All heavy atoms as atom14 arrays in JSON, in Angstrom:
{
  "sequence": "QLVPDAADEFLGSVDQPLKTKMDKATGREYLTCDYNRDGDSY",
  "atom14_mask": [
    [1, 1, 1, 1, 1, 1, 1, 1, 1, 0, 0, 0, 0, 0],
    [1, 1, 1, 1, 1, 1, 1, 1, 0, 0, 0, 0, 0, 0],
    [1, 1, 1, 1, 1, 1, 1, 0, 0, 0, 0, 0, 0, 0],
    [1, 1, 1, 1, 1, 1, 1, 0, 0, 0, 0, 0, 0, 0],
    [1, 1, 1, 1, 1, 1, 1, 1, 0, 0, 0, 0, 0, 0],
    [1, 1, 1, 1, 1, 0, 0, 0, 0, 0, 0, 0, 0, 0],
    [1, 1, 1, 1, 1, 0, 0, 0, 0, 0, 0, 0, 0, 0],
    [1, 1, 1, 1, 1, 1, 1, 1, 0, 0, 0, 0, 0, 0],
    [1, 1, 1, 1, 1, 1, 1, 1, 1, 0, 0, 0, 0, 0],
    [1, 1, 1, 1, 1, 1, 1, 1, 1, 1, 1, 0, 0, 0],
    [1, 1, 1, 1, 1, 1, 1, 1, 0, 0, 0, 0, 0, 0],
    [1, 1, 1, 1, 0, 0, 0, 0, 0, 0, 0, 0, 0, 0],
    [1, 1, 1, 1, 1, 1, 0, 0, 0, 0, 0, 0, 0, 0],
    [1, 1, 1, 1, 1, 1, 1, 0, 0, 0, 0, 0, 0, 0],
    [1, 1, 1, 1, 1, 1, 1, 1, 0, 0, 0, 0, 0, 0],
    [1, 1, 1, 1, 1, 1, 1, 1, 1, 0, 0, 0, 0, 0],
    [1, 1, 1, 1, 1, 1, 1, 0, 0, 0, 0, 0, 0, 0],
    [1, 1, 1, 1, 1, 1, 1, 1, 0, 0, 0, 0, 0, 0],
    [1, 1, 1, 1, 1, 1, 1, 1, 1, 0, 0, 0, 0, 0],
    [1, 1, 1, 1, 1, 1, 1, 0, 0, 0, 0, 0, 0, 0],
    [1, 1, 1, 1, 1, 1, 1, 1, 1, 0, 0, 0, 0, 0],
    [1, 1, 1, 1, 1, 1, 1, 1, 0, 0, 0, 0, 0, 0],
    [1, 1, 1, 1, 1, 1, 1, 1, 0, 0, 0, 0, 0, 0],
    [1, 1, 1, 1, 1, 1, 1, 1, 1, 0, 0, 0, 0, 0],
    [1, 1, 1, 1, 1, 0, 0, 0, 0, 0, 0, 0, 0, 0],
    [1, 1, 1, 1, 1, 1, 1, 0, 0, 0, 0, 0, 0, 0],
    [1, 1, 1, 1, 0, 0, 0, 0, 0, 0, 0, 0, 0, 0],
    [1, 1, 1, 1, 1, 1, 1, 1, 1, 1, 1, 0, 0, 0],
    [1, 1, 1, 1, 1, 1, 1, 1, 1, 0, 0, 0, 0, 0],
    [1, 1, 1, 1, 1, 1, 1, 1, 1, 1, 1, 1, 0, 0],
    [1, 1, 1, 1, 1, 1, 1, 1, 0, 0, 0, 0, 0, 0],
    [1, 1, 1, 1, 1, 1, 1, 0, 0, 0, 0, 0, 0, 0],
    [1, 1, 1, 1, 1, 1, 0, 0, 0, 0, 0, 0, 0, 0],
    [1, 1, 1, 1, 1, 1, 1, 1, 0, 0, 0, 0, 0, 0],
    [1, 1, 1, 1, 1, 1, 1, 1, 1, 1, 1, 1, 0, 0],
    [1, 1, 1, 1, 1, 1, 1, 1, 0, 0, 0, 0, 0, 0],
    [1, 1, 1, 1, 1, 1, 1, 1, 1, 1, 1, 0, 0, 0],
    [1, 1, 1, 1, 1, 1, 1, 1, 0, 0, 0, 0, 0, 0],
    [1, 1, 1, 1, 0, 0, 0, 0, 0, 0, 0, 0, 0, 0],
    [1, 1, 1, 1, 1, 1, 1, 1, 0, 0, 0, 0, 0, 0],
    [1, 1, 1, 1, 1, 1, 0, 0, 0, 0, 0, 0, 0, 0],
    [1, 1, 1, 1, 1, 1, 1, 1, 1, 1, 1, 1, 0, 0]
  ],
  "atom14_positions": [
    [[1.12, 8.52, 12.97], [1.05, 9.97, 13.24], [1.77, 10.22, 14.56], [2.31, 11.42, 14.66], [-0.45, 10.34, 13.37], [-1.2, 10.18, 12.16], [-0.69, 11.11, 11.05], [-0.56, 12.4, 11.2], [-0.37, 10.5, 9.94], [0.0, 0.0, 0.0], [0.0, 0.0, 0.0], [0.0, 0.0, 0.0], [0.0, 0.0, 0.0], [0.0, 0.0, 0.0]],
    [[1.82, 9.35, 15.44], [2.51, 9.56, 16.72], [3.95, 9.43, 16.59], [4.75, 10.26, 17.2], [1.94, 8.44, 17.79], [2.47, 8.69, 19.29], [1.94, 9.93, 19.77], [2.08, 7.47, 20.07], [0.0, 0.0, 0.0], [0.0, 0.0, 0.0], [0.0, 0.0, 0.0], [0.0, 0.0, 0.0], [0.0, 0.0, 0.0], [0.0, 0.0, 0.0]],
    [[4.5, 8.59, 15.77], [5.99, 8.39, 15.49], [6.2, 8.45, 14.05], [6.48, 7.44, 13.37], [6.48, 7.13, 16.11], [8.02, 7.1, 16.2], [5.88, 6.86, 17.53], [0.0, 0.0, 0.0], [0.0, 0.0, 0.0], [0.0, 0.0, 0.0], [0.0, 0.0, 0.0], [0.0, 0.0, 0.0], [0.0, 0.0, 0.0], [0.0, 0.0, 0.0]],
    [[6.09, 9.59, 13.41], [6.23, 9.69, 11.86], [7.63, 9.17, 11.37], [7.76, 8.75, 10.28], [6.0, 11.15, 11.64], [6.25, 11.85, 12.92], [5.89, 10.91, 13.98], [0.0, 0.0, 0.0], [0.0, 0.0, 0.0], [0.0, 0.0, 0.0], [0.0, 0.0, 0.0], [0.0, 0.0, 0.0], [0.0, 0.0, 0.0], [0.0, 0.0, 0.0]],
    [[8.69, 9.43, 12.15], [10.02, 8.99, 11.71], [10.16, 7.47, 11.48], [10.95, 7.0, 10.77], [11.04, 9.4, 12.72], [11.26, 10.95, 12.75], [10.76, 11.66, 11.74], [11.77, 11.51, 13.8], [0.0, 0.0, 0.0], [0.0, 0.0, 0.0], [0.0, 0.0, 0.0], [0.0, 0.0, 0.0], [0.0, 0.0, 0.0], [0.0, 0.0, 0.0]],
    [[9.35, 6.72, 12.18], [9.38, 5.22, 12.14], [8.23, 4.74, 11.21], [8.09, 3.48, 11.12], [9.31, 4.61, 13.49], [0.0, 0.0, 0.0], [0.0, 0.0, 0.0], [0.0, 0.0, 0.0], [0.0, 0.0, 0.0], [0.0, 0.0, 0.0], [0.0, 0.0, 0.0], [0.0, 0.0, 0.0], [0.0, 0.0, 0.0], [0.0, 0.0, 0.0]],
    [[7.61, 5.62, 10.47], [6.4, 5.13, 9.74], [6.72, 4.13, 8.69], [6.06, 3.05, 8.53], [5.64, 6.36, 9.09], [0.0, 0.0, 0.0], [0.0, 0.0, 0.0], [0.0, 0.0, 0.0], [0.0, 0.0, 0.0], [0.0, 0.0, 0.0], [0.0, 0.0, 0.0], [0.0, 0.0, 0.0], [0.0, 0.0, 0.0], [0.0, 0.0, 0.0]],
    [[7.74, 4.42, 7.8], [8.06, 3.56, 6.75], [8.42, 2.13, 7.17], [7.96, 1.15, 6.62], [9.2, 4.09, 5.94], [8.7, 5.38, 5.14], [7.49, 5.4, 4.85], [9.55, 6.14, 4.68], [0.0, 0.0, 0.0], [0.0, 0.0, 0.0], [0.0, 0.0, 0.0], [0.0, 0.0, 0.0], [0.0, 0.0, 0.0], [0.0, 0.0, 0.0]],
    [[9.35, 2.03, 8.22], [9.76, 0.77, 8.63], [8.53, 0.05, 9.33], [8.43, -1.26, 9.18], [10.88, 0.92, 9.7], [11.47, -0.48, 10.14], [12.74, -0.21, 11.0], [13.14, 0.95, 11.15], [13.15, -1.26, 11.48], [0.0, 0.0, 0.0], [0.0, 0.0, 0.0], [0.0, 0.0, 0.0], [0.0, 0.0, 0.0], [0.0, 0.0, 0.0]],
    [[7.78, 0.82, 10.09], [6.66, 0.26, 10.75], [5.59, -0.34, 9.77], [5.08, -1.46, 9.97], [5.97, 1.24, 11.69], [4.73, 0.81, 12.36], [4.76, -0.27, 13.27], [3.51, 1.4, 12.12], [3.6, -0.66, 13.97], [2.33, 0.96, 12.85], [2.43, -0.1, 13.69], [0.0, 0.0, 0.0], [0.0, 0.0, 0.0], [0.0, 0.0, 0.0]],
    [[5.32, 0.41, 8.76], [4.37, -0.09, 7.79], [4.85, -1.34, 7.0], [4.04, -2.11, 6.65], [4.09, 1.11, 6.68], [3.24, 2.32, 7.28], [3.25, 3.4, 6.22], [1.88, 1.87, 7.68], [0.0, 0.0, 0.0], [0.0, 0.0, 0.0], [0.0, 0.0, 0.0], [0.0, 0.0, 0.0], [0.0, 0.0, 0.0], [0.0, 0.0, 0.0]],
    [[6.11, -1.41, 6.85], [6.64, -2.62, 6.2], [6.71, -3.79, 7.05], [6.95, -4.92, 6.6], [0.0, 0.0, 0.0], [0.0, 0.0, 0.0], [0.0, 0.0, 0.0], [0.0, 0.0, 0.0], [0.0, 0.0, 0.0], [0.0, 0.0, 0.0], [0.0, 0.0, 0.0], [0.0, 0.0, 0.0], [0.0, 0.0, 0.0], [0.0, 0.0, 0.0]],
    [[6.44, -3.67, 8.39], [6.48, -4.72, 9.36], [5.02, -5.26, 9.82], [4.96, -6.23, 10.52], [7.23, -4.36, 10.6], [8.55, -3.95, 10.25], [0.0, 0.0, 0.0], [0.0, 0.0, 0.0], [0.0, 0.0, 0.0], [0.0, 0.0, 0.0], [0.0, 0.0, 0.0], [0.0, 0.0, 0.0], [0.0, 0.0, 0.0], [0.0, 0.0, 0.0]],
    [[4.06, -4.45, 9.44], [2.61, -4.81, 9.88], [1.81, -5.29, 8.64], [1.76, -4.53, 7.61], [1.98, -3.53, 10.48], [0.54, -3.82, 10.88], [2.75, -3.12, 11.8], [0.0, 0.0, 0.0], [0.0, 0.0, 0.0], [0.0, 0.0, 0.0], [0.0, 0.0, 0.0], [0.0, 0.0, 0.0], [0.0, 0.0, 0.0], [0.0, 0.0, 0.0]],
    [[1.17, -6.39, 8.77], [0.27, -6.78, 7.77], [-1.15, -6.25, 8.02], [-1.73, -6.36, 9.11], [0.12, -8.33, 7.84], [1.41, -9.0, 7.35], [1.97, -8.62, 6.4], [1.89, -9.95, 7.96], [0.0, 0.0, 0.0], [0.0, 0.0, 0.0], [0.0, 0.0, 0.0], [0.0, 0.0, 0.0], [0.0, 0.0, 0.0], [0.0, 0.0, 0.0]],
    [[-1.64, -5.52, 7.02], [-2.92, -4.89, 7.1], [-3.9, -5.55, 6.06], [-3.53, -6.09, 5.12], [-2.85, -3.31, 6.81], [-1.97, -2.63, 7.76], [-2.03, -1.15, 7.46], [-3.06, -0.52, 7.52], [-0.9, -0.57, 6.99], [0.0, 0.0, 0.0], [0.0, 0.0, 0.0], [0.0, 0.0, 0.0], [0.0, 0.0, 0.0], [0.0, 0.0, 0.0]],
    [[-5.16, -5.4, 6.35], [-6.14, -6.01, 5.37], [-5.89, -5.32, 4.0], [-5.64, -4.13, 3.89], [-7.52, -5.51, 5.96], [-7.27, -5.37, 7.4], [-5.85, -4.94, 7.58], [0.0, 0.0, 0.0], [0.0, 0.0, 0.0], [0.0, 0.0, 0.0], [0.0, 0.0, 0.0], [0.0, 0.0, 0.0], [0.0, 0.0, 0.0], [0.0, 0.0, 0.0]],
    [[-5.97, -6.18, 3.01], [-5.64, -5.78, 1.6], [-6.77, -4.93, 1.12], [-7.95, -5.15, 1.33], [-5.48, -7.08, 0.71], [-4.31, -7.97, 1.13], [-4.45, -9.34, 0.41], [-2.96, -7.35, 1.02], [0.0, 0.0, 0.0], [0.0, 0.0, 0.0], [0.0, 0.0, 0.0], [0.0, 0.0, 0.0], [0.0, 0.0, 0.0], [0.0, 0.0, 0.0]],
    [[-6.3, -3.89, 0.28], [-7.3, -2.99, -0.33], [-7.37, -3.38, -1.86], [-6.4, -3.83, -2.49], [-6.84, -1.53, -0.16], [-6.88, -1.08, 1.25], [-8.28, -0.98, 1.78], [-8.37, -0.35, 3.1], [-7.94, 1.02, 3.16], [0.0, 0.0, 0.0], [0.0, 0.0, 0.0], [0.0, 0.0, 0.0], [0.0, 0.0, 0.0], [0.0, 0.0, 0.0]],
    [[-8.4, -3.05, -2.5], [-8.65, -3.33, -3.92], [-8.64, -2.05, -4.67], [-9.27, -1.04, -4.3], [-9.98, -4.07, -4.09], [-10.01, -5.25, -3.35], [-10.15, -4.42, -5.52], [0.0, 0.0, 0.0], [0.0, 0.0, 0.0], [0.0, 0.0, 0.0], [0.0, 0.0, 0.0], [0.0, 0.0, 0.0], [0.0, 0.0, 0.0], [0.0, 0.0, 0.0]],
    [[-7.93, -2.01, -5.83], [-8.03, -0.89, -6.72], [-8.28, -1.37, -8.12], [-8.13, -2.59, -8.35], [-6.62, -0.18, -6.79], [-6.36, 0.69, -5.53], [-4.96, 1.33, -5.67], [-4.98, 2.42, -6.7], [-5.76, 3.63, -6.29], [0.0, 0.0, 0.0], [0.0, 0.0, 0.0], [0.0, 0.0, 0.0], [0.0, 0.0, 0.0], [0.0, 0.0, 0.0]],
    [[-8.68, -0.53, -8.94], [-9.12, -0.82, -10.35], [-7.98, -0.29, -11.32], [-7.62, 0.84, -11.26], [-10.43, -0.16, -10.75], [-10.88, -0.57, -12.19], [-11.25, -2.27, -12.35], [-12.81, -2.36, -11.4], [0.0, 0.0, 0.0], [0.0, 0.0, 0.0], [0.0, 0.0, 0.0], [0.0, 0.0, 0.0], [0.0, 0.0, 0.0], [0.0, 0.0, 0.0]],
    [[-7.5, -1.3, -12.14], [-6.54, -0.84, -13.14], [-7.31, -0.15, -14.35], [-8.08, -0.76, -15.02], [-5.87, -2.08, -13.68], [-4.63, -1.8, -14.61], [-4.77, -0.73, -15.37], [-3.63, -2.44, -14.62], [0.0, 0.0, 0.0], [0.0, 0.0, 0.0], [0.0, 0.0, 0.0], [0.0, 0.0, 0.0], [0.0, 0.0, 0.0], [0.0, 0.0, 0.0]],
    [[-7.03, 1.16, -14.42], [-7.78, 1.96, -15.41], [-7.46, 1.48, -16.91], [-8.28, 1.65, -17.75], [-7.51, 3.4, -15.31], [-7.9, 3.97, -13.88], [-7.53, 5.43, -13.72], [-7.87, 5.9, -12.34], [-7.46, 7.31, -12.16], [0.0, 0.0, 0.0], [0.0, 0.0, 0.0], [0.0, 0.0, 0.0], [0.0, 0.0, 0.0], [0.0, 0.0, 0.0]],
    [[-6.21, 0.93, -17.03], [-5.79, 0.63, -18.46], [-6.5, -0.68, -18.84], [-6.84, -0.89, -20.03], [-4.29, 0.5, -18.5], [0.0, 0.0, 0.0], [0.0, 0.0, 0.0], [0.0, 0.0, 0.0], [0.0, 0.0, 0.0], [0.0, 0.0, 0.0], [0.0, 0.0, 0.0], [0.0, 0.0, 0.0], [0.0, 0.0, 0.0], [0.0, 0.0, 0.0]],
    [[-6.7, -1.58, -17.95], [-7.22, -2.94, -18.33], [-8.66, -3.21, -17.75], [-9.31, -4.1, -18.23], [-6.35, -4.06, -17.8], [-6.26, -4.05, -16.3], [-4.89, -3.94, -18.27], [0.0, 0.0, 0.0], [0.0, 0.0, 0.0], [0.0, 0.0, 0.0], [0.0, 0.0, 0.0], [0.0, 0.0, 0.0], [0.0, 0.0, 0.0], [0.0, 0.0, 0.0]],
    [[-9.08, -2.4, -16.8], [-10.35, -2.55, -16.19], [-10.46, -3.77, -15.26], [-11.51, -4.19, -14.92], [0.0, 0.0, 0.0], [0.0, 0.0, 0.0], [0.0, 0.0, 0.0], [0.0, 0.0, 0.0], [0.0, 0.0, 0.0], [0.0, 0.0, 0.0], [0.0, 0.0, 0.0], [0.0, 0.0, 0.0], [0.0, 0.0, 0.0], [0.0, 0.0, 0.0]],
    [[-9.33, -4.2, -14.79], [-9.27, -5.33, -13.86], [-8.84, -4.89, -12.48], [-8.04, -3.93, -12.26], [-8.24, -6.4, -14.35], [-8.56, -7.01, -15.71], [-7.67, -8.16, -16.13], [-7.8, -9.31, -15.22], [-7.19, -10.44, -15.42], [-6.34, -10.52, -16.53], [-7.42, -11.48, -14.67], [0.0, 0.0, 0.0], [0.0, 0.0, 0.0], [0.0, 0.0, 0.0]],
    [[-9.5, -5.54, -11.48], [-9.07, -5.32, -10.07], [-7.74, -5.82, -9.67], [-7.37, -6.9, -10.1], [-10.19, -5.73, -9.19], [-11.5, -5.05, -9.28], [-12.52, -5.49, -8.26], [-12.62, -6.78, -8.06], [-13.18, -4.63, -7.62], [0.0, 0.0, 0.0], [0.0, 0.0, 0.0], [0.0, 0.0, 0.0], [0.0, 0.0, 0.0], [0.0, 0.0, 0.0]],
    [[-7.12, -5.24, -8.74], [-5.85, -5.79, -8.23], [-5.73, -5.33, -6.78], [-6.45, -4.5, -6.26], [-4.55, -5.37, -8.91], [-4.31, -3.81, -8.93], [-3.42, -3.29, -8.05], [-4.97, -2.92, -9.76], [-3.14, -1.96, -8.03], [-4.69, -1.62, -9.81], [-3.73, -1.09, -8.89], [-3.48, 0.23, -8.88], [0.0, 0.0, 0.0], [0.0, 0.0, 0.0]],
    [[-4.85, -5.96, -6.02], [-4.71, -5.82, -4.54], [-3.53, -4.86, -4.26], [-2.52, -4.89, -5.03], [-4.61, -7.05, -3.84], [-5.81, -7.93, -3.94], [-5.47, -9.41, -3.34], [-7.06, -7.35, -3.26], [0.0, 0.0, 0.0], [0.0, 0.0, 0.0], [0.0, 0.0, 0.0], [0.0, 0.0, 0.0], [0.0, 0.0, 0.0], [0.0, 0.0, 0.0]],
    [[-3.62, -4.02, -3.19], [-2.54, -3.14, -2.86], [-2.02, -3.51, -1.48], [-2.76, -3.87, -0.59], [-2.98, -1.68, -2.83], [-4.0, -1.51, -1.83], [-3.61, -1.38, -4.2], [0.0, 0.0, 0.0], [0.0, 0.0, 0.0], [0.0, 0.0, 0.0], [0.0, 0.0, 0.0], [0.0, 0.0, 0.0], [0.0, 0.0, 0.0], [0.0, 0.0, 0.0]],
    [[-0.66, -3.4, -1.33], [-0.01, -3.64, -0.04], [1.26, -2.86, -0.09], [1.5, -2.12, -1.07], [0.12, -5.1, 0.23], [1.4, -5.88, -0.85], [0.0, 0.0, 0.0], [0.0, 0.0, 0.0], [0.0, 0.0, 0.0], [0.0, 0.0, 0.0], [0.0, 0.0, 0.0], [0.0, 0.0, 0.0], [0.0, 0.0, 0.0], [0.0, 0.0, 0.0]],
    [[2.08, -2.96, 0.89], [3.35, -2.28, 0.93], [4.34, -2.79, -0.13], [5.27, -2.03, -0.43], [4.01, -2.49, 2.35], [5.11, -1.44, 2.59], [4.8, -0.27, 2.55], [6.23, -1.92, 2.81], [0.0, 0.0, 0.0], [0.0, 0.0, 0.0], [0.0, 0.0, 0.0], [0.0, 0.0, 0.0], [0.0, 0.0, 0.0], [0.0, 0.0, 0.0]],
    [[4.11, -3.94, -0.67], [5.13, -4.5, -1.64], [4.89, -3.95, -3.05], [5.8, -4.18, -3.87], [4.94, -6.05, -1.64], [5.33, -6.64, -0.32], [4.38, -7.06, 0.58], [6.67, -6.92, 0.02], [4.71, -7.63, 1.87], [7.05, -7.44, 1.19], [6.11, -7.83, 2.1], [6.47, -8.35, 3.24], [0.0, 0.0, 0.0], [0.0, 0.0, 0.0]],
    [[3.81, -3.41, -3.35], [3.66, -2.82, -4.72], [3.37, -1.32, -4.65], [2.79, -0.68, -5.43], [2.43, -3.43, -5.44], [1.14, -3.2, -4.87], [0.91, -3.24, -3.64], [0.1, -2.97, -5.74], [0.0, 0.0, 0.0], [0.0, 0.0, 0.0], [0.0, 0.0, 0.0], [0.0, 0.0, 0.0], [0.0, 0.0, 0.0], [0.0, 0.0, 0.0]],
    [[3.79, -0.71, -3.44], [3.63, 0.68, -3.13], [4.95, 1.37, -3.36], [5.98, 0.94, -2.99], [3.14, 0.87, -1.68], [3.02, 2.39, -1.32], [2.46, 2.6, 0.06], [3.41, 2.07, 1.01], [4.39, 2.83, 1.61], [4.54, 4.17, 1.29], [5.2, 2.35, 2.47], [0.0, 0.0, 0.0], [0.0, 0.0, 0.0], [0.0, 0.0, 0.0]],
    [[4.9, 2.53, -4.01], [6.05, 3.47, -4.19], [5.53, 4.85, -3.88], [4.86, 5.41, -4.68], [6.63, 3.36, -5.51], [8.02, 4.0, -5.71], [8.3, 4.85, -4.82], [8.84, 3.59, -6.55], [0.0, 0.0, 0.0], [0.0, 0.0, 0.0], [0.0, 0.0, 0.0], [0.0, 0.0, 0.0], [0.0, 0.0, 0.0], [0.0, 0.0, 0.0]],
    [[5.93, 5.38, -2.66], [5.33, 6.65, -2.24], [3.86, 6.49, -1.94], [3.42, 5.58, -1.21], [0.0, 0.0, 0.0], [0.0, 0.0, 0.0], [0.0, 0.0, 0.0], [0.0, 0.0, 0.0], [0.0, 0.0, 0.0], [0.0, 0.0, 0.0], [0.0, 0.0, 0.0], [0.0, 0.0, 0.0], [0.0, 0.0, 0.0], [0.0, 0.0, 0.0]],
    [[3.02, 7.31, -2.74], [1.59, 7.16, -2.58], [0.98, 6.44, -3.73], [-0.31, 6.46, -3.84], [0.97, 8.56, -2.45], [1.46, 9.25, -1.19], [1.59, 8.53, -0.1], [1.64, 10.49, -1.17], [0.0, 0.0, 0.0], [0.0, 0.0, 0.0], [0.0, 0.0, 0.0], [0.0, 0.0, 0.0], [0.0, 0.0, 0.0], [0.0, 0.0, 0.0]],
    [[1.76, 5.88, -4.63], [1.28, 5.15, -5.73], [1.39, 3.62, -5.63], [2.29, 3.21, -4.87], [2.02, 5.63, -7.03], [1.93, 7.04, -7.2], [0.0, 0.0, 0.0], [0.0, 0.0, 0.0], [0.0, 0.0, 0.0], [0.0, 0.0, 0.0], [0.0, 0.0, 0.0], [0.0, 0.0, 0.0], [0.0, 0.0, 0.0], [0.0, 0.0, 0.0]],
    [[0.5, 2.89, -6.36], [0.49, 1.47, -6.32], [0.64, 0.96, -7.76], [-0.04, 1.43, -8.69], [-0.76, 0.88, -5.63], [-0.82, 1.22, -4.18], [-1.46, 2.41, -3.7], [-0.25, 0.35, -3.31], [-1.44, 2.66, -2.35], [-0.32, 0.65, -1.91], [-0.89, 1.82, -1.41], [-0.95, 2.08, -0.13], [0.0, 0.0, 0.0], [0.0, 0.0, 0.0]]
  ]
}
C-alpha cells in the first residue's frame, strides 16, 4: 500500500505463509501462492 508501483515485483520476491482454497469442481483442497496466481485468481 505504501509503494503500489513495486507491489507485483515485491510480492514475487517475498515468501508468505501458504493459503488453502477449495477446488469447487473436484472438492479437493489446494494451496495458493504467487506461482499459481493470475491477477486476483488462483
